[in-house]
Amino acid sequence: MLRRLLVLLAACVPLAAQAQYPNKPIRIVLQFPAGGLADTVIRALANPLSQSLGQPIVVDNRPGADGAIAGETVKNSPPDGYTLFFATNSALSAVPVMRKNPPYDPVNDFTPISFVGRFPFFVYAHPSVPAKSLQELITHIRANPGKLNYGSGNTTSILATAQLASLAKIDMLHVPYKCDAPLMVDLVAGRLHFSIASTAPGANLAKDGKLKVLATLLARRSHLFPDAPTMAESGFPQYSLVPWGAMVGPAGLPREIVQRINRDTNTAVANGQVKETLDKFGYELQGSTPEELGKFIRDQFAAWRQGVRDAGIQPD
């Protein structure tokens, strides 16, 4: 009888611990350095999340390796709800398809919690390029095969442009950069013809008339550039790559904890002050259920993998 009682008590310990969750600070790992848009997003969410969860939120910036360092950190953390990952497509879509030996499986090594939103990427062109739309840009590139160049500052930009090139059947020169800042310097100077890049610092340069905005990768037009059509409106309804951000945890995260963080993340995403802060950058907030996020991650993993194949990119 005593042995049975001890077994029952032991079995109740994890449930008791889950019921008390959270009872200490929660760490959210981020794959980018401080100051960027992803950092701005998670810090805007941190305050309402902290209030809902009743514990401090610590943002742990772990940049490098296109998000693989941050991803491995979370993958190897205990599934107790105290280490979460504000993951983006760079870590969970690009890294697994662009490496011969990926450091993790985006589907099996993480627990989906909630979608957070979409990062605004636009097709920017130098004013000297004779094109007022994406279709006119493509026509110009086709008339000058191999003569126009484009810059990329991250894996999203690389694969997004590669998929466009594959769909449009265009030939151009690729100039890689470590980030968007030096890329934009060369684009404004006319050393580059166009680029698919995020809002920082491209949006301000475009508003100052130093760049043209031909299209957006968002699913709908951005209030930042309402005249810039979507990829579907530009003639590419089959364009499938989405720059996204979501909250995930290590594999095996208990259902009760997932539900708690999901509820509070969705509440933070709907917070008016958070929306006001992120609207300035064109970030599209959107929550989800864990199941919806899981399907989205699987679908995007497949889309990015197909994009790599179609573009002829060899994993390294």
Protein backbone atom coordinates (compact mmCIF):
# COMPACT_ATOMS: atom_id res chain seq x y z
CA MET A 1 0.00 0.00 0.00
CA LEU A 2 2.83 2.40 0.90
CA ARG A 3 4.61 1.63 -2.39
CA ARG A 4 1.46 2.36 -4.38
CA LEU A 5 1.01 5.63 -2.54
CA LEU A 6 4.58 6.69 -3.32
CA VAL A 7 4.10 5.85 -7.01
CA LEU A 8 0.91 7.91 -7.15
CA LEU A 9 2.61 10.85 -5.42
CA ALA A 10 5.54 10.71 -7.84
CA ALA A 11 3.16 10.68 -10.79
CA CYS A 12 1.45 13.79 -9.49
CA VAL A 13 4.65 15.87 -9.23
CA PRO A 14 4.86 16.85 -12.93
CA LEU A 15 1.16 17.76 -12.96
CA ALA A 16 1.60 19.88 -9.85
CA ALA A 17 4.60 21.61 -11.38
CA GLN A 18 2.60 22.31 -14.56
CA ALA A 19 -0.31 23.67 -12.52
CA GLN A 20 2.02 26.18 -10.89
CA TYR A 21 3.47 27.32 -14.24
CA PRO A 22 5.00 29.79 -14.47
CA ASN A 23 6.83 30.34 -11.20
CA LYS A 24 10.06 31.91 -12.47
CA PRO A 25 11.25 34.20 -15.33
CA ILE A 26 10.71 32.98 -18.90
CA ARG A 27 13.45 33.25 -21.50
CA ILE A 28 12.57 33.94 -25.14
CA VAL A 29 15.47 33.19 -27.47
CA LEU A 30 15.82 35.35 -30.57
CA GLN A 31 18.05 34.62 -33.56
CA PHE A 32 18.80 38.28 -34.33
CA PRO A 33 20.83 40.97 -32.55
CA ALA A 34 19.17 43.78 -30.63
CA GLY A 35 17.75 46.66 -32.64
CA GLY A 36 16.30 44.85 -35.65
CA LEU A 37 12.63 44.40 -36.50
CA ALA A 38 12.39 40.89 -35.01
CA ASP A 39 13.88 42.24 -31.77
CA THR A 40 11.39 45.12 -31.83
CA VAL A 41 8.50 42.68 -32.32
CA ILE A 42 9.36 40.39 -29.43
CA ARG A 43 10.13 43.27 -27.06
CA ALA A 44 6.78 44.89 -27.92
CA LEU A 45 5.08 41.60 -27.01
CA ALA A 46 7.20 41.02 -23.90
CA ASN A 47 5.41 43.52 -21.64
CA PRO A 48 1.82 42.25 -22.13
CA LEU A 49 3.10 38.67 -22.10
CA SER A 50 4.85 39.29 -18.79
CA GLN A 51 1.70 40.81 -17.31
CA SER A 52 -0.46 37.86 -18.45
CA LEU A 53 2.00 35.21 -17.30
CA GLY A 54 2.85 36.99 -14.06
CA GLN A 55 6.60 36.55 -14.59
CA PRO A 56 9.43 38.60 -16.13
CA ILE A 57 10.23 37.94 -19.81
CA VAL A 58 13.94 37.86 -20.64
CA VAL A 59 14.84 38.30 -24.33
CA ASP A 60 17.99 36.30 -25.10
CA ASN A 61 19.58 37.47 -28.37
CA ARG A 62 21.53 34.60 -29.98
CA PRO A 63 22.43 35.82 -33.49
CA GLY A 64 24.48 33.91 -36.03
CA ALA A 65 24.33 31.01 -38.49
CA ASP A 66 21.02 32.22 -39.97
CA GLY A 67 19.22 31.31 -36.74
CA ALA A 68 20.74 27.87 -36.23
CA ILE A 69 22.50 28.91 -32.99
CA ALA A 70 19.23 30.11 -31.45
CA GLY A 71 17.37 27.09 -32.80
CA GLU A 72 19.82 24.61 -31.31
CA THR A 73 19.73 26.46 -27.99
CA VAL A 74 15.97 25.95 -27.74
CA LYS A 75 15.99 22.45 -29.19
CA ASN A 76 18.39 21.34 -26.41
CA SER A 77 16.51 23.11 -23.59
CA PRO A 78 14.20 21.30 -21.14
CA PRO A 79 10.57 21.23 -22.32
CA ASP A 80 9.33 23.02 -19.22
CA GLY A 81 8.03 26.27 -20.73
CA TYR A 82 10.85 28.43 -19.41
CA THR A 83 12.81 28.57 -22.68
CA LEU A 84 10.85 29.61 -25.77
CA PHE A 85 11.89 30.56 -29.29
CA PHE A 86 10.62 33.50 -31.28
CA ALA A 87 11.44 31.70 -34.51
CA THR A 88 11.36 33.06 -38.04
CA ASN A 89 11.51 31.50 -41.47
CA SER A 90 15.30 31.91 -41.49
CA ALA A 91 15.71 29.40 -38.67
CA LEU A 92 12.81 27.02 -39.29
CA SER A 93 12.39 27.20 -43.08
CA ALA A 94 15.71 28.23 -44.63
CA VAL A 95 18.31 26.54 -42.39
CA PRO A 96 16.77 23.05 -42.64
CA VAL A 97 16.64 23.19 -46.46
CA MET A 98 19.92 24.98 -47.19
CA ARG A 99 22.21 22.65 -45.24
CA LYS A 100 23.26 19.13 -46.12
CA ASN A 101 23.27 18.24 -42.43
CA PRO A 102 20.61 20.41 -40.74
CA PRO A 103 21.10 20.91 -36.99
CA TYR A 104 17.43 20.18 -36.31
CA ASP A 105 14.11 19.14 -37.81
CA PRO A 106 11.67 22.10 -37.85
CA VAL A 107 8.67 19.79 -37.46
CA ASN A 108 9.83 17.18 -34.95
CA ASP A 109 12.30 19.12 -32.80
CA PHE A 110 9.97 21.96 -31.76
CA THR A 111 6.50 22.38 -30.28
CA PRO A 112 4.27 24.89 -32.14
CA ILE A 113 2.65 27.43 -29.82
CA SER A 114 1.32 30.42 -31.76
CA PHE A 115 1.82 32.32 -34.98
CA VAL A 116 2.82 35.94 -34.31
CA GLY A 117 2.86 37.62 -37.70
CA ARG A 118 4.46 38.36 -41.06
CA PHE A 119 7.56 40.42 -41.75
CA PRO A 120 7.10 43.03 -44.50
CA PHE A 121 9.40 42.42 -47.46
CA PHE A 122 9.24 44.53 -50.62
CA VAL A 123 10.74 44.53 -54.10
CA TYR A 124 12.86 47.69 -54.20
CA ALA A 125 14.43 49.12 -57.37
CA HIS A 126 16.82 51.97 -58.09
CA PRO A 127 15.06 54.97 -59.70
CA SER A 128 17.19 54.57 -62.83
CA VAL A 129 15.61 51.19 -63.60
CA PRO A 130 12.92 51.78 -66.27
CA ALA A 131 10.14 49.94 -64.47
CA LYS A 132 7.07 51.10 -62.55
CA SER A 133 5.88 47.58 -61.72
CA LEU A 134 7.27 44.11 -61.11
CA GLN A 135 6.12 42.97 -64.55
CA GLU A 136 7.93 45.91 -66.18
CA LEU A 137 11.06 45.01 -64.20
CA ILE A 138 10.85 41.43 -65.45
CA THR A 139 10.38 42.63 -69.04
CA HIS A 140 13.46 44.83 -68.66
CA ILE A 141 15.53 41.96 -67.24
CA ARG A 142 14.45 39.65 -70.08
CA ALA A 143 15.54 42.27 -72.60
CA ASN A 144 18.95 42.44 -70.90
CA PRO A 145 19.77 38.85 -69.83
CA GLY A 146 22.64 38.63 -67.37
CA LYS A 147 23.16 42.41 -67.29
CA LEU A 148 21.09 43.43 -64.29
CA ASN A 149 22.07 42.58 -60.72
CA TYR A 150 20.27 42.21 -57.43
CA GLY A 151 21.41 42.16 -53.82
CA SER A 152 20.45 39.85 -50.96
CA GLY A 153 21.05 40.50 -47.28
CA ASN A 154 19.69 37.29 -45.76
CA THR A 155 18.41 33.83 -46.61
CA THR A 156 14.87 35.13 -47.04
CA SER A 157 16.04 37.54 -49.71
CA ILE A 158 18.13 34.84 -51.42
CA LEU A 159 15.31 32.32 -51.69
CA ALA A 160 12.58 34.89 -52.36
CA THR A 161 14.49 36.26 -55.36
CA ALA A 162 15.49 32.79 -56.51
CA GLN A 163 11.85 31.69 -56.57
CA LEU A 164 10.89 34.85 -58.48
CA ALA A 165 13.66 34.18 -61.01
CA SER A 166 12.48 30.59 -61.42
CA LEU A 167 8.83 31.57 -61.91
CA ALA A 168 9.59 34.49 -64.23
CA LYS A 169 12.37 32.69 -66.16
CA ILE A 170 14.81 35.59 -65.83
CA ASP A 171 18.63 35.71 -65.82
CA MET A 172 20.41 38.18 -63.52
CA LEU A 173 23.52 38.55 -61.38
CA HIS A 174 23.43 37.87 -57.63
CA VAL A 175 25.43 40.07 -55.24
CA PRO A 176 25.29 38.69 -51.65
CA TYR A 177 25.60 40.86 -48.54
CA LYS A 178 25.81 39.99 -44.85
CA CYS A 179 22.80 42.18 -44.03
CA ASP A 180 20.47 44.77 -45.55
CA ALA A 181 22.30 47.93 -44.40
CA PRO A 182 25.32 47.79 -46.81
CA LEU A 183 23.03 46.41 -49.51
CA MET A 184 20.84 49.50 -49.30
CA VAL A 185 23.89 51.77 -49.56
CA ASP A 186 24.79 50.18 -52.90
CA LEU A 187 21.18 50.08 -54.09
CA VAL A 188 20.68 53.81 -53.42
CA ALA A 189 24.02 54.54 -55.14
CA GLY A 190 22.90 52.63 -58.23
CA ARG A 191 25.49 49.89 -57.94
CA LEU A 192 22.57 47.46 -57.59
CA HIS A 193 19.44 47.45 -59.74
CA PHE A 194 16.95 45.88 -57.34
CA SER A 195 16.51 43.79 -54.21
CA ILE A 196 13.87 41.99 -52.20
CA ALA A 197 14.41 43.29 -48.67
CA SER A 198 12.65 44.21 -45.44
CA THR A 199 11.41 47.62 -44.29
CA ALA A 200 14.59 48.58 -42.44
CA PRO A 201 16.13 50.72 -43.82
CA GLY A 202 14.46 50.34 -47.24
CA ALA A 203 11.09 51.86 -46.31
CA ASN A 204 12.49 55.24 -45.23
CA LEU A 205 14.70 55.42 -48.33
CA ALA A 206 11.69 54.69 -50.53
CA LYS A 207 9.58 57.33 -48.78
CA ASP A 208 12.40 59.83 -49.42
CA GLY A 209 12.22 59.01 -53.14
CA LYS A 210 15.61 57.31 -53.24
CA LEU A 211 14.12 53.91 -54.15
CA LYS A 212 11.03 52.61 -55.93
CA VAL A 213 8.75 49.98 -54.38
CA LEU A 214 7.39 47.60 -57.03
CA ALA A 215 5.64 44.90 -54.98
CA THR A 216 5.26 43.35 -51.54
CA LEU A 217 5.65 39.74 -50.35
CA LEU A 218 2.83 40.26 -47.85
CA ALA A 219 -0.49 38.53 -48.56
CA ARG A 220 -2.18 41.93 -48.82
CA ARG A 221 -1.02 45.43 -49.62
CA SER A 222 0.84 47.22 -46.84
CA HIS A 223 -0.37 50.54 -45.48
CA LEU A 224 3.26 51.68 -45.76
CA PHE A 225 3.08 51.46 -49.56
CA PRO A 226 -0.56 51.01 -50.56
CA ASP A 227 0.29 51.38 -54.26
CA ALA A 228 2.68 48.41 -54.17
CA PRO A 229 0.73 45.30 -55.28
CA THR A 230 1.12 41.82 -53.84
CA MET A 231 2.96 39.09 -55.72
CA ALA A 232 -0.40 37.59 -56.73
CA GLU A 233 -1.57 40.95 -58.06
CA SER A 234 1.74 41.24 -59.91
CA GLY A 235 1.06 38.03 -61.85
CA PHE A 236 2.53 35.42 -59.51
CA PRO A 237 -0.33 33.79 -57.58
CA GLN A 238 1.83 30.67 -57.18
CA TYR A 239 4.49 32.58 -55.24
CA SER A 240 4.64 30.72 -51.91
CA LEU A 241 7.43 32.03 -49.67
CA VAL A 242 6.32 33.91 -46.55
CA PRO A 243 8.65 35.82 -44.18
CA TRP A 244 7.11 34.92 -40.82
CA GLY A 245 7.56 34.88 -37.06
CA ALA A 246 6.09 32.51 -34.47
CA MET A 247 6.43 31.29 -30.91
CA VAL A 248 7.63 27.70 -30.47
CA GLY A 249 9.17 25.64 -27.69
CA PRO A 250 11.32 22.51 -27.46
CA ALA A 251 9.76 19.22 -28.52
CA GLY A 252 7.67 17.58 -25.82
CA LEU A 253 6.31 20.76 -24.27
CA PRO A 254 3.29 19.72 -22.11
CA ARG A 255 -0.10 20.50 -23.61
CA GLU A 256 -1.23 22.51 -20.57
CA ILE A 257 1.77 24.82 -20.88
CA VAL A 258 1.31 25.17 -24.65
CA GLN A 259 -2.31 26.19 -24.14
CA ARG A 260 -1.37 28.76 -21.48
CA ILE A 261 1.36 30.39 -23.59
CA ASN A 262 -0.83 30.25 -26.70
CA ARG A 263 -3.66 32.06 -24.92
CA ASP A 264 -1.39 34.78 -23.56
CA THR A 265 0.53 35.19 -26.84
CA ASN A 266 -2.71 35.68 -28.76
CA THR A 267 -3.82 38.21 -26.16
CA ALA A 268 -0.53 40.10 -26.60
CA VAL A 269 -0.83 39.97 -30.40
CA ALA A 270 -4.28 41.59 -30.12
CA ASN A 271 -3.03 44.29 -27.72
CA GLY A 272 -3.74 47.78 -29.11
CA GLN A 273 -0.45 49.29 -27.93
CA VAL A 274 1.54 46.45 -29.51
CA LYS A 275 -0.31 46.95 -32.78
CA GLU A 276 0.31 50.70 -32.71
CA THR A 277 4.04 50.14 -32.12
CA LEU A 278 4.49 47.58 -34.89
CA ASP A 279 2.23 49.27 -37.45
CA LYS A 280 4.98 51.85 -37.88
CA PHE A 281 7.19 49.11 -39.34
CA GLY A 282 4.49 47.44 -41.42
CA TYR A 283 4.62 44.25 -39.36
CA GLU A 284 1.40 42.23 -39.72
CA LEU A 285 0.36 40.75 -36.38
CA GLN A 286 -1.64 37.53 -36.47
CA GLY A 287 -2.24 34.88 -33.83
CA SER A 288 -3.20 31.23 -34.29
CA THR A 289 -3.86 27.94 -32.55
CA PRO A 290 -0.93 25.55 -32.03
CA GLU A 291 -2.44 23.24 -34.65
CA GLU A 292 -2.69 26.03 -37.23
CA LEU A 293 0.94 26.97 -36.62
CA GLY A 294 2.05 23.34 -36.90
CA LYS A 295 0.42 23.01 -40.31
CA PHE A 296 1.86 26.35 -41.42
CA ILE A 297 5.41 25.31 -40.44
CA ARG A 298 5.03 22.03 -42.34
CA ASP A 299 3.65 23.80 -45.42
CA GLN A 300 6.37 26.45 -45.41
CA PHE A 301 9.10 23.86 -44.90
CA ALA A 302 7.84 22.10 -48.03
CA ALA A 303 7.53 25.38 -49.96
CA TRP A 304 11.05 26.51 -49.09
CA ARG A 305 12.45 23.09 -49.92
CA GLN A 306 10.73 23.21 -53.32
CA GLY A 307 11.98 26.76 -53.82
CA VAL A 308 15.57 25.63 -53.26
CA ARG A 309 15.13 22.82 -55.79
CA ASP A 310 13.48 25.02 -58.40
CA ALA A 311 16.19 27.66 -58.05
CA GLY A 312 18.98 25.09 -58.34
CA ILE A 313 20.50 26.09 -55.01
CA GLN A 314 22.85 23.43 -53.65
CA PRO A 315 22.73 22.93 -49.86
CA ASP A 316 26.12 23.48 -48.22
